[in-house]
N, C-alpha and C. Protein backbone atom coordinates (compact mmCIF):
# COMPACT_ATOMS: atom_id res chain seq x y z
N MET A 1 -10.70 -2.41 16.86
CA MET A 1 -9.75 -3.18 16.07
C MET A 1 -10.36 -4.48 15.55
N THR A 2 -11.50 -4.86 16.07
CA THR A 2 -12.16 -6.08 15.64
C THR A 2 -12.88 -5.84 14.32
N HIS A 3 -12.91 -6.85 13.50
CA HIS A 3 -13.63 -6.76 12.23
C HIS A 3 -15.10 -6.50 12.55
N PRO A 4 -15.75 -5.58 11.83
CA PRO A 4 -17.14 -5.21 12.14
C PRO A 4 -18.11 -6.40 12.13
N GLN A 5 -17.82 -7.43 11.35
CA GLN A 5 -18.70 -8.59 11.30
C GLN A 5 -18.61 -9.43 12.57
N HIS A 6 -17.55 -9.25 13.34
CA HIS A 6 -17.34 -10.06 14.53
C HIS A 6 -17.66 -9.32 15.82
N LEU A 7 -18.31 -8.17 15.73
CA LEU A 7 -18.64 -7.39 16.93
C LEU A 7 -19.90 -7.93 17.60
N ALA A 8 -19.94 -7.73 18.92
CA ALA A 8 -21.15 -8.05 19.67
C ALA A 8 -22.24 -7.06 19.27
N ALA A 9 -23.49 -7.40 19.55
CA ALA A 9 -24.61 -6.56 19.13
C ALA A 9 -24.52 -5.15 19.72
N ALA A 10 -24.15 -5.04 21.00
CA ALA A 10 -24.04 -3.73 21.63
C ALA A 10 -22.92 -2.90 21.00
N ASP A 11 -21.80 -3.56 20.73
CA ASP A 11 -20.67 -2.86 20.11
C ASP A 11 -21.00 -2.43 18.68
N ALA A 12 -21.73 -3.28 17.96
CA ALA A 12 -22.12 -2.94 16.59
C ALA A 12 -23.05 -1.72 16.58
N ALA A 13 -23.97 -1.67 17.55
CA ALA A 13 -24.87 -0.52 17.64
C ALA A 13 -24.10 0.75 17.97
N GLU A 14 -23.13 0.63 18.87
CA GLU A 14 -22.31 1.80 19.24
C GLU A 14 -21.49 2.27 18.04
N LEU A 15 -20.94 1.33 17.29
CA LEU A 15 -20.17 1.69 16.09
C LEU A 15 -21.05 2.40 15.08
N LYS A 16 -22.30 1.94 14.92
CA LYS A 16 -23.22 2.58 13.99
C LYS A 16 -23.51 4.01 14.41
N GLU A 17 -23.69 4.25 15.71
CA GLU A 17 -23.91 5.61 16.21
C GLU A 17 -22.71 6.50 15.96
N ILE A 18 -21.53 5.97 16.19
CA ILE A 18 -20.30 6.74 15.98
C ILE A 18 -20.14 7.09 14.51
N ARG A 19 -20.40 6.13 13.63
CA ARG A 19 -20.27 6.38 12.19
C ARG A 19 -21.32 7.36 11.70
N THR A 20 -22.49 7.37 12.33
CA THR A 20 -23.52 8.34 11.97
C THR A 20 -23.09 9.75 12.38
N ALA A 21 -22.46 9.86 13.55
CA ALA A 21 -22.01 11.16 14.05
C ALA A 21 -20.82 11.70 13.25
N CYS A 22 -19.98 10.81 12.77
CA CYS A 22 -18.78 11.23 12.03
C CYS A 22 -18.64 10.37 10.78
N PRO A 23 -19.24 10.79 9.68
CA PRO A 23 -19.22 9.96 8.47
C PRO A 23 -17.83 9.78 7.85
N HIS A 24 -16.89 10.64 8.21
CA HIS A 24 -15.54 10.49 7.66
C HIS A 24 -14.83 9.26 8.20
N LEU A 25 -15.37 8.66 9.24
CA LEU A 25 -14.79 7.41 9.73
C LEU A 25 -15.00 6.26 8.74
N ASP A 26 -15.90 6.46 7.79
CA ASP A 26 -16.09 5.43 6.77
C ASP A 26 -14.83 5.24 5.93
N ALA A 27 -13.95 6.22 5.96
CA ALA A 27 -12.67 6.07 5.25
C ALA A 27 -11.91 4.88 5.79
N ALA A 28 -12.05 4.63 7.09
CA ALA A 28 -11.36 3.48 7.69
C ALA A 28 -11.85 2.18 7.07
N LEU A 29 -13.13 2.12 6.73
CA LEU A 29 -13.66 0.91 6.11
C LEU A 29 -13.12 0.75 4.70
N HIS A 30 -12.98 1.85 3.97
CA HIS A 30 -12.39 1.76 2.63
C HIS A 30 -10.93 1.31 2.71
N VAL A 31 -10.22 1.83 3.68
CA VAL A 31 -8.82 1.43 3.85
C VAL A 31 -8.75 -0.05 4.22
N HIS A 32 -9.66 -0.49 5.08
CA HIS A 32 -9.70 -1.90 5.46
C HIS A 32 -9.99 -2.78 4.24
N ASP A 33 -10.94 -2.36 3.42
CA ASP A 33 -11.26 -3.13 2.21
C ASP A 33 -10.07 -3.20 1.27
N PHE A 34 -9.32 -2.10 1.14
CA PHE A 34 -8.13 -2.11 0.29
C PHE A 34 -7.08 -3.07 0.86
N ALA A 35 -6.92 -3.07 2.17
CA ALA A 35 -5.96 -3.99 2.81
C ALA A 35 -6.37 -5.44 2.57
N GLU A 36 -7.66 -5.71 2.61
CA GLU A 36 -8.15 -7.07 2.33
C GLU A 36 -7.83 -7.48 0.89
N MET A 37 -8.02 -6.56 -0.06
CA MET A 37 -7.67 -6.85 -1.45
C MET A 37 -6.19 -7.16 -1.57
N LEU A 38 -5.38 -6.37 -0.90
CA LEU A 38 -3.94 -6.55 -0.95
C LEU A 38 -3.53 -7.87 -0.32
N HIS A 39 -4.09 -8.17 0.82
CA HIS A 39 -3.72 -9.38 1.56
C HIS A 39 -4.16 -10.66 0.84
N HIS A 40 -5.33 -10.64 0.24
CA HIS A 40 -5.88 -11.83 -0.40
C HIS A 40 -5.70 -11.85 -1.91
N LEU A 41 -4.90 -10.91 -2.45
CA LEU A 41 -4.58 -10.84 -3.88
C LEU A 41 -5.84 -10.82 -4.73
N ARG A 42 -6.70 -9.84 -4.47
CA ARG A 42 -7.95 -9.72 -5.21
C ARG A 42 -7.98 -8.41 -6.00
N GLY A 43 -7.08 -8.29 -6.95
CA GLY A 43 -7.00 -7.10 -7.78
C GLY A 43 -8.22 -6.88 -8.65
N ASP A 44 -8.98 -7.95 -8.90
CA ASP A 44 -10.18 -7.80 -9.72
C ASP A 44 -11.26 -6.98 -9.04
N GLN A 45 -11.17 -6.79 -7.72
CA GLN A 45 -12.14 -6.00 -6.97
C GLN A 45 -11.80 -4.51 -6.95
N LEU A 46 -10.66 -4.14 -7.50
CA LEU A 46 -10.20 -2.75 -7.44
C LEU A 46 -11.15 -1.76 -8.11
N PRO A 47 -11.66 -2.00 -9.31
CA PRO A 47 -12.58 -1.01 -9.91
C PRO A 47 -13.82 -0.74 -9.05
N GLY A 48 -14.40 -1.77 -8.48
CA GLY A 48 -15.56 -1.58 -7.61
C GLY A 48 -15.21 -0.80 -6.36
N TRP A 49 -14.03 -1.07 -5.80
CA TRP A 49 -13.58 -0.34 -4.61
C TRP A 49 -13.40 1.14 -4.94
N MET A 50 -12.81 1.42 -6.11
CA MET A 50 -12.59 2.81 -6.49
C MET A 50 -13.93 3.53 -6.68
N GLU A 51 -14.91 2.87 -7.24
CA GLU A 51 -16.23 3.50 -7.41
C GLU A 51 -16.87 3.80 -6.06
N ARG A 52 -16.74 2.88 -5.10
CA ARG A 52 -17.31 3.11 -3.76
C ARG A 52 -16.62 4.28 -3.08
N VAL A 53 -15.30 4.40 -3.25
CA VAL A 53 -14.57 5.50 -2.64
C VAL A 53 -15.00 6.83 -3.25
N LEU A 54 -15.13 6.88 -4.56
CA LEU A 54 -15.52 8.12 -5.23
C LEU A 54 -16.96 8.52 -4.90
N ALA A 55 -17.79 7.56 -4.52
CA ALA A 55 -19.17 7.87 -4.15
C ALA A 55 -19.25 8.57 -2.80
N ASP A 56 -18.23 8.42 -1.95
CA ASP A 56 -18.20 9.07 -0.64
C ASP A 56 -17.47 10.40 -0.72
N ASP A 57 -17.71 11.26 0.26
CA ASP A 57 -17.07 12.57 0.31
C ASP A 57 -15.78 12.47 1.12
N LEU A 58 -14.76 11.89 0.49
CA LEU A 58 -13.47 11.68 1.15
C LEU A 58 -12.36 12.16 0.23
N PRO A 59 -12.03 13.45 0.26
CA PRO A 59 -11.05 14.01 -0.70
C PRO A 59 -9.69 13.33 -0.68
N ALA A 60 -9.22 12.91 0.49
CA ALA A 60 -7.90 12.27 0.55
C ALA A 60 -7.91 10.95 -0.21
N LEU A 61 -8.97 10.19 -0.07
CA LEU A 61 -9.05 8.92 -0.79
C LEU A 61 -9.35 9.14 -2.27
N HIS A 62 -10.02 10.25 -2.61
CA HIS A 62 -10.22 10.57 -4.03
C HIS A 62 -8.87 10.80 -4.70
N SER A 63 -7.97 11.44 -3.98
CA SER A 63 -6.62 11.67 -4.51
C SER A 63 -5.90 10.35 -4.72
N LEU A 64 -6.07 9.42 -3.78
CA LEU A 64 -5.46 8.09 -3.92
C LEU A 64 -6.01 7.39 -5.16
N VAL A 65 -7.30 7.44 -5.35
CA VAL A 65 -7.92 6.78 -6.50
C VAL A 65 -7.43 7.38 -7.81
N SER A 66 -7.29 8.70 -7.85
CA SER A 66 -6.79 9.31 -9.10
C SER A 66 -5.35 8.88 -9.36
N GLY A 67 -4.56 8.71 -8.32
CA GLY A 67 -3.20 8.21 -8.50
C GLY A 67 -3.18 6.76 -8.96
N LEU A 68 -4.09 5.95 -8.44
CA LEU A 68 -4.16 4.55 -8.85
C LEU A 68 -4.60 4.42 -10.31
N ARG A 69 -5.47 5.32 -10.74
CA ARG A 69 -5.96 5.26 -12.12
C ARG A 69 -4.89 5.60 -13.15
N ARG A 70 -3.85 6.31 -12.72
CA ARG A 70 -2.79 6.68 -13.67
C ARG A 70 -2.11 5.44 -14.24
N ASP A 71 -1.99 4.41 -13.42
CA ASP A 71 -1.36 3.17 -13.90
C ASP A 71 -2.17 1.99 -13.39
N LEU A 72 -3.40 1.93 -13.80
CA LEU A 72 -4.35 0.94 -13.29
C LEU A 72 -3.90 -0.50 -13.56
N ASP A 73 -3.33 -0.75 -14.73
CA ASP A 73 -2.89 -2.11 -15.05
C ASP A 73 -1.80 -2.59 -14.08
N ALA A 74 -0.85 -1.72 -13.77
CA ALA A 74 0.23 -2.10 -12.86
C ALA A 74 -0.30 -2.31 -11.45
N VAL A 75 -1.22 -1.46 -11.01
CA VAL A 75 -1.79 -1.60 -9.67
C VAL A 75 -2.59 -2.89 -9.58
N THR A 76 -3.38 -3.18 -10.60
CA THR A 76 -4.17 -4.41 -10.60
C THR A 76 -3.25 -5.63 -10.58
N ALA A 77 -2.18 -5.59 -11.34
CA ALA A 77 -1.22 -6.71 -11.33
C ALA A 77 -0.56 -6.84 -9.97
N GLY A 78 -0.22 -5.71 -9.35
CA GLY A 78 0.39 -5.76 -8.02
C GLY A 78 -0.54 -6.31 -6.97
N LEU A 79 -1.84 -6.08 -7.13
CA LEU A 79 -2.82 -6.61 -6.18
C LEU A 79 -3.25 -8.03 -6.52
N SER A 80 -2.81 -8.56 -7.65
CA SER A 80 -3.27 -9.88 -8.09
C SER A 80 -2.19 -10.95 -8.06
N THR A 81 -0.94 -10.57 -8.16
CA THR A 81 0.13 -11.57 -8.25
C THR A 81 0.90 -11.66 -6.94
N PRO A 82 1.41 -12.84 -6.64
CA PRO A 82 2.17 -13.01 -5.39
C PRO A 82 3.61 -12.53 -5.49
N TRP A 83 4.03 -12.05 -6.65
CA TRP A 83 5.42 -11.65 -6.85
C TRP A 83 5.68 -10.28 -6.24
N SER A 84 6.91 -10.10 -5.75
CA SER A 84 7.30 -8.84 -5.15
C SER A 84 8.69 -8.45 -5.64
N SER A 85 8.94 -7.17 -5.76
CA SER A 85 10.27 -6.69 -6.16
C SER A 85 11.06 -6.25 -4.92
N GLY A 86 10.63 -6.66 -3.75
CA GLY A 86 11.27 -6.24 -2.51
C GLY A 86 12.73 -6.63 -2.42
N GLN A 87 13.08 -7.84 -2.83
CA GLN A 87 14.46 -8.28 -2.75
C GLN A 87 15.35 -7.47 -3.68
N VAL A 88 14.88 -7.19 -4.88
CA VAL A 88 15.65 -6.38 -5.82
C VAL A 88 15.84 -4.98 -5.26
N GLU A 89 14.76 -4.39 -4.72
CA GLU A 89 14.85 -3.05 -4.14
C GLU A 89 15.84 -3.02 -2.98
N GLY A 90 15.90 -4.10 -2.21
CA GLY A 90 16.86 -4.17 -1.11
C GLY A 90 18.29 -4.13 -1.61
N HIS A 91 18.58 -4.84 -2.70
CA HIS A 91 19.93 -4.82 -3.28
C HIS A 91 20.27 -3.45 -3.84
N VAL A 92 19.31 -2.79 -4.48
CA VAL A 92 19.54 -1.44 -5.01
C VAL A 92 19.87 -0.49 -3.87
N THR A 93 19.13 -0.59 -2.78
CA THR A 93 19.38 0.27 -1.62
C THR A 93 20.78 0.02 -1.05
N ARG A 94 21.17 -1.25 -0.97
CA ARG A 94 22.51 -1.59 -0.45
C ARG A 94 23.61 -1.01 -1.34
N VAL A 95 23.45 -1.12 -2.66
CA VAL A 95 24.47 -0.59 -3.58
C VAL A 95 24.56 0.92 -3.45
N LYS A 96 23.41 1.58 -3.32
CA LYS A 96 23.42 3.04 -3.16
C LYS A 96 24.11 3.44 -1.86
N LEU A 97 23.89 2.69 -0.80
CA LEU A 97 24.55 2.98 0.47
C LEU A 97 26.06 2.85 0.35
N ILE A 98 26.52 1.78 -0.28
CA ILE A 98 27.96 1.58 -0.47
C ILE A 98 28.54 2.71 -1.31
N LYS A 99 27.84 3.10 -2.34
CA LYS A 99 28.29 4.19 -3.21
C LYS A 99 28.42 5.50 -2.43
N ARG A 100 27.42 5.79 -1.60
CA ARG A 100 27.46 7.03 -0.83
C ARG A 100 28.58 7.02 0.21
N MET A 101 28.84 5.86 0.78
CA MET A 101 29.91 5.77 1.80
C MET A 101 31.28 6.04 1.19
N ALA A 102 31.46 5.69 -0.07
CA ALA A 102 32.76 5.85 -0.72
C ALA A 102 32.83 7.10 -1.59
N TYR A 103 31.83 7.96 -1.52
CA TYR A 103 31.78 9.12 -2.41
C TYR A 103 33.01 10.00 -2.25
N GLY A 104 33.71 10.27 -3.34
CA GLY A 104 34.86 11.16 -3.35
C GLY A 104 36.15 10.52 -2.86
N ARG A 105 36.10 9.29 -2.39
CA ARG A 105 37.29 8.66 -1.84
C ARG A 105 37.71 7.42 -2.60
N ALA A 106 36.87 6.91 -3.47
CA ALA A 106 37.20 5.66 -4.14
C ALA A 106 36.80 5.74 -5.60
N ASN A 107 37.41 4.89 -6.38
CA ASN A 107 37.05 4.86 -7.80
C ASN A 107 36.08 3.71 -8.06
N LEU A 108 35.70 3.53 -9.31
CA LEU A 108 34.70 2.54 -9.69
C LEU A 108 35.18 1.12 -9.40
N ASP A 109 36.48 0.85 -9.51
CA ASP A 109 36.98 -0.50 -9.26
C ASP A 109 36.75 -0.92 -7.81
N LEU A 110 37.01 -0.01 -6.86
CA LEU A 110 36.78 -0.34 -5.45
C LEU A 110 35.28 -0.52 -5.17
N LEU A 111 34.46 0.34 -5.75
CA LEU A 111 33.01 0.20 -5.58
C LEU A 111 32.54 -1.16 -6.09
N ARG A 112 33.06 -1.56 -7.24
CA ARG A 112 32.68 -2.86 -7.81
C ARG A 112 33.08 -4.00 -6.88
N GLN A 113 34.28 -3.93 -6.33
CA GLN A 113 34.73 -4.98 -5.40
C GLN A 113 33.86 -5.04 -4.16
N ARG A 114 33.50 -3.89 -3.61
CA ARG A 114 32.68 -3.86 -2.40
C ARG A 114 31.28 -4.38 -2.66
N VAL A 115 30.74 -4.08 -3.85
CA VAL A 115 29.40 -4.57 -4.17
C VAL A 115 29.40 -6.08 -4.39
N LEU A 116 30.38 -6.57 -5.13
CA LEU A 116 30.41 -8.00 -5.44
C LEU A 116 30.84 -8.87 -4.29
N LEU A 117 31.75 -8.38 -3.43
CA LEU A 117 32.28 -9.20 -2.35
C LEU A 117 31.68 -8.88 -1.00
N GLY A 118 30.94 -7.80 -0.91
CA GLY A 118 30.38 -7.40 0.37
C GLY A 118 29.26 -8.29 0.84
N PRO A 119 28.87 -8.11 2.11
CA PRO A 119 27.79 -8.95 2.67
C PRO A 119 26.44 -8.61 2.12
């Protein structure tokens, strides 16, 4: 769980042996690098990360990269800006829950009252 740069010499050597025996563990490093981009808002590093992933034999991550390429501008913006749509999505989820709870038993006026006056 420790960052590879902070490992003791013996642990670093052991990690190198393990990665040599199982090269698919390198996927964990790609995932870690993506998490670093996400955490530090470094969307400008995304194209280089995608090239490194495609250079390795990791089909699951190749699928992720192809999905990211479909809307590269939006992904880059999401990795670069501090803004989030989480609060809006939370309200949408709440409205959908209220709607489902009243399905078949209430009309639009009651739904509107519950959405506007509810917690």
